[in-house]
Protein backbone atom coordinates (compact mmCIF):
# COMPACT_ATOMS: atom_id res chain seq x y z
CA MET A 1 176.51 -151.27 -67.11
CA LYS A 2 175.11 -148.32 -65.50
CA ARG A 3 175.21 -146.49 -68.95
CA LYS A 4 173.41 -149.25 -70.47
CA MET A 5 170.77 -149.24 -67.70
CA LEU A 6 170.23 -145.58 -68.06
CA LEU A 7 169.69 -145.81 -71.73
CA ALA A 8 167.32 -148.67 -71.56
CA LEU A 9 165.23 -146.63 -68.83
CA ALA A 10 165.28 -143.67 -71.13
CA ALA A 11 164.13 -145.74 -74.14
CA MET A 12 161.28 -147.21 -72.16
CA THR A 13 160.27 -143.67 -70.82
CA LEU A 14 160.07 -142.45 -74.54
CA ALA A 15 157.95 -145.32 -75.42
CA GLY A 16 155.61 -145.06 -72.61
CA SER A 17 155.19 -141.13 -73.38
CA ALA A 18 154.37 -142.27 -77.04
CA LEU A 19 151.65 -144.77 -76.40
CA ALA A 20 150.11 -143.09 -73.36
CA ALA A 21 147.29 -141.66 -75.49
CA GLY A 22 146.45 -145.27 -76.98
CA PRO A 23 142.86 -145.66 -78.52
CA VAL A 24 140.07 -147.74 -76.80
CA GLY A 25 140.12 -151.09 -78.39
CA LYS A 26 136.80 -152.82 -78.35
CA GLY A 27 133.66 -152.80 -76.27
CA ASP A 28 130.45 -150.50 -75.98
CA PRO A 29 130.83 -148.04 -73.25
CA VAL A 30 127.07 -147.63 -73.29
CA LYS A 31 126.46 -151.02 -72.27
CA GLY A 32 129.61 -150.85 -69.99
CA LYS A 33 127.65 -147.88 -67.96
CA GLN A 34 124.80 -150.18 -67.50
CA ILE A 35 127.07 -152.62 -65.62
CA VAL A 36 129.12 -149.99 -63.75
CA ASP A 37 125.88 -148.36 -62.39
CA GLN A 38 124.62 -151.76 -61.21
CA VAL A 39 127.82 -153.29 -59.96
CA CYS A 40 130.74 -151.08 -59.80
CA ALA A 41 129.75 -147.60 -59.02
CA ALA A 42 129.51 -148.06 -55.30
CA CYS A 43 133.18 -148.71 -54.78
CA HIS A 44 134.77 -147.00 -57.91
CA GLY A 45 132.40 -144.09 -58.43
CA ALA A 46 129.85 -143.68 -61.27
CA ASP A 47 132.52 -141.89 -63.34
CA GLY A 48 135.37 -144.11 -62.33
CA ASN A 49 136.54 -141.67 -59.57
CA SER A 50 136.96 -143.51 -56.16
CA VAL A 51 136.38 -141.54 -53.14
CA ALA A 52 137.59 -144.25 -50.66
CA SER A 53 141.39 -144.60 -50.80
CA ALA A 54 141.15 -148.46 -50.60
CA ASN A 55 139.42 -148.60 -53.98
CA PRO A 56 141.37 -147.54 -57.04
CA THR A 57 140.36 -144.84 -59.24
CA LEU A 58 139.54 -146.28 -62.58
CA ALA A 59 138.81 -143.32 -64.80
CA GLY A 60 141.29 -142.79 -67.78
CA GLN A 61 142.82 -146.11 -67.02
CA HIS A 62 144.13 -147.95 -70.06
CA GLN A 63 141.32 -150.40 -71.44
CA LYS A 64 143.47 -153.47 -72.18
CA TYR A 65 145.20 -153.26 -68.43
CA LEU A 66 141.84 -153.01 -66.96
CA TYR A 67 140.34 -155.92 -69.13
CA GLU A 68 143.55 -157.95 -68.05
CA GLN A 69 142.88 -157.42 -64.32
CA LEU A 70 139.36 -158.33 -64.70
CA LYS A 71 140.32 -161.58 -66.35
CA ALA A 72 142.82 -162.07 -63.59
CA PHE A 73 140.32 -161.57 -60.76
CA LYS A 74 137.87 -164.00 -62.60
CA ALA A 75 140.74 -166.55 -62.92
CA GLY A 76 141.97 -166.19 -59.38
CA THR A 77 145.43 -165.32 -60.34
CA ARG A 78 144.93 -161.92 -58.89
CA LYS A 79 143.75 -162.20 -55.23
CA ASN A 80 140.90 -160.22 -53.73
CA PRO A 81 137.80 -161.61 -52.45
CA VAL A 82 135.34 -158.60 -53.37
CA MET A 83 136.72 -158.31 -56.80
CA MET A 84 137.06 -162.01 -57.67
CA GLY A 85 133.13 -162.16 -56.53
CA MET A 86 132.50 -159.42 -58.82
CA ALA A 87 134.30 -160.60 -61.89
CA ALA A 88 133.24 -164.17 -61.53
CA PRO A 89 129.71 -163.44 -63.40
CA LEU A 90 131.07 -161.26 -65.98
CA SER A 91 131.38 -162.38 -69.53
CA ASP A 92 134.34 -161.50 -71.88
CA ASP A 93 132.02 -159.02 -73.66
CA ASP A 94 130.87 -157.60 -70.27
CA MET A 95 134.50 -157.05 -69.45
CA TRP A 96 135.18 -155.22 -72.63
CA ASN A 97 132.34 -153.13 -72.15
CA VAL A 98 133.18 -152.19 -68.59
CA THR A 99 136.73 -151.25 -69.37
CA ALA A 100 135.62 -149.18 -72.52
CA TYR A 101 133.45 -147.01 -70.21
CA PHE A 102 136.02 -146.40 -67.55
CA SER A 103 139.04 -145.74 -69.85
CA GLN A 104 136.88 -142.87 -71.39
CA GLN A 105 136.20 -141.01 -68.38
CA LYS A 106 138.25 -138.15 -67.06
CA VAL A 107 140.25 -138.65 -64.06
CA LYS A 108 140.11 -136.01 -61.47
CA PRO A 109 143.24 -134.48 -60.30
CA ARG A 110 144.40 -135.05 -56.64
CA GLU A 111 146.62 -133.27 -54.55
CA ALA A 112 149.47 -134.82 -52.71
CA ALA A 113 148.43 -134.93 -49.00
CA ASP A 114 152.01 -134.68 -47.37
CA LYS A 115 154.27 -132.01 -48.69
CA SER A 116 157.18 -133.26 -46.43
CA LEU A 117 157.38 -136.68 -48.58
CA GLN A 118 157.62 -134.77 -52.05
CA ALA A 119 161.23 -134.46 -52.20
CA LEU A 120 161.82 -138.24 -51.59
CA GLY A 121 158.88 -139.34 -53.55
CA LYS A 122 160.09 -137.11 -56.46
CA LYS A 123 163.60 -138.91 -56.45
CA ILE A 124 162.18 -142.42 -56.36
CA TYR A 125 159.83 -141.78 -58.87
CA ARG A 126 162.23 -139.81 -61.45
CA VAL A 127 165.54 -141.38 -60.39
CA GLY A 128 165.23 -144.46 -58.20
CA ASN A 129 167.68 -145.39 -55.61
CA PRO A 130 170.84 -146.69 -57.38
CA ALA A 131 172.24 -148.04 -54.14
CA THR A 132 169.34 -150.48 -53.65
CA GLY A 133 168.73 -151.12 -57.27
CA VAL A 134 165.37 -149.30 -57.28
CA PRO A 135 164.74 -148.16 -60.85
CA ALA A 136 163.03 -144.79 -61.82
CA CYS A 137 159.20 -145.47 -61.64
CA MET A 138 158.87 -143.12 -64.61
CA ALA A 139 160.58 -145.61 -66.82
CA CYS A 140 157.66 -147.58 -67.14
CA HIS A 141 154.93 -145.43 -65.86
CA ALA A 142 155.95 -142.32 -67.79
CA PRO A 143 157.16 -138.84 -66.45
CA GLY A 144 153.70 -137.72 -65.81
CA GLY A 145 152.22 -140.94 -64.40
CA ALA A 146 150.19 -141.95 -67.74
CA GLY A 147 151.76 -145.32 -67.94
CA MET A 148 152.17 -147.57 -71.11
CA PRO A 149 148.83 -149.02 -72.53
CA ASP A 150 148.72 -152.91 -72.23
CA GLN A 151 151.80 -153.06 -70.03
CA PHE A 152 151.89 -150.51 -67.04
CA PRO A 153 148.89 -148.58 -65.59
CA ARG A 154 148.31 -145.13 -65.43
CA VAL A 155 149.14 -143.97 -61.85
CA ASN A 156 148.72 -140.13 -61.62
CA SER A 157 145.92 -138.96 -59.42
CA GLN A 158 145.60 -142.34 -57.85
CA HIS A 159 145.11 -142.79 -54.16
CA ALA A 160 148.22 -142.83 -52.37
CA GLY A 161 147.20 -145.33 -49.90
CA TYR A 162 145.92 -147.76 -52.68
CA ILE A 163 149.48 -147.33 -54.16
CA VAL A 164 150.98 -148.22 -50.80
CA LYS A 165 148.81 -151.27 -50.61
CA GLN A 166 149.82 -152.45 -54.06
CA LEU A 167 153.42 -152.03 -53.54
CA ASN A 168 153.17 -154.29 -50.31
CA ASP A 169 151.13 -156.90 -52.09
CA PHE A 170 153.86 -157.01 -54.69
CA LYS A 171 156.55 -157.13 -52.05
CA ALA A 172 154.78 -160.02 -50.19
CA GLY A 173 153.81 -161.91 -53.65
CA THR A 174 150.64 -163.08 -52.18
CA GLU A 175 147.66 -161.06 -53.55
CA ARG A 176 149.66 -159.59 -56.66
CA GLN A 177 152.46 -161.34 -58.71
CA HIS A 178 154.27 -159.37 -61.23
CA PRO A 179 158.02 -160.38 -61.98
CA THR A 180 159.15 -156.73 -62.41
CA MET A 181 156.94 -155.00 -59.65
CA SER A 182 157.94 -157.64 -57.23
CA ASP A 183 161.45 -157.34 -57.76
CA VAL A 184 161.10 -153.36 -57.55
CA ALA A 185 158.92 -153.47 -54.56
CA SER A 186 161.32 -156.03 -52.75
CA ARG A 187 164.09 -153.37 -52.85
CA MET A 188 161.95 -150.47 -51.42
CA SER A 189 161.66 -149.42 -47.89
CA ASP A 190 158.44 -148.58 -46.27
CA ALA A 191 159.39 -144.91 -46.24
CA GLU A 192 160.23 -145.00 -50.11
CA MET A 193 156.82 -146.56 -50.60
CA LYS A 194 155.12 -144.03 -48.77
CA ALA A 195 156.80 -141.26 -50.18
CA VAL A 196 156.45 -142.09 -54.04
CA ALA A 197 152.87 -143.05 -53.37
CA ASP A 198 152.16 -139.49 -52.07
CA TYR A 199 154.03 -137.86 -55.07
CA ILE A 200 152.24 -140.18 -57.57
CA SER A 201 148.86 -139.04 -56.17
CA GLY A 202 149.52 -135.54 -57.15
CA LEU A 203 151.15 -135.96 -60.71
CA ARG A 204 149.04 -134.57 -63.52
């Protein structure tokens, strides 16, 4: 059973690496920038590189993933009062345009803040915790954190505080619901969440 699990995780890792450089789907990034400048830049930065840890960096994120998140905010299936309000007036074309713009921006590298957390964070990201059934994060998010287009987001250079918040939201099942991530987060300790989030923030 363990051998089958390891082979499955390895296959997912290779798939994630192969798909990580997927092309932008549709949408007009020029029109998207106009919306970003008026609506999104205050929180996420004009180029998608957020300064505040409460707001995710969107630069270089997979377009389809961003599009699906905007749709979820608009539908109310992903809960966040601010983003639900921002997404509400956006048309489908607006969403494609905004996500086309953000996906083409270059993410700015970030340094891990707490070096003492790196060993545990690296272990969880690359190996997981077999004792508690936590799989390796890189199986879905790729060794370098580039993610898997359409399914799993790019996580490298993301704010550690934002990642911890999302893991806790998945664990609580209130603001965010995702079968895989909710199960993974439910098996993680607070210390593991903090460590892996700090490790991820420094990934390239």
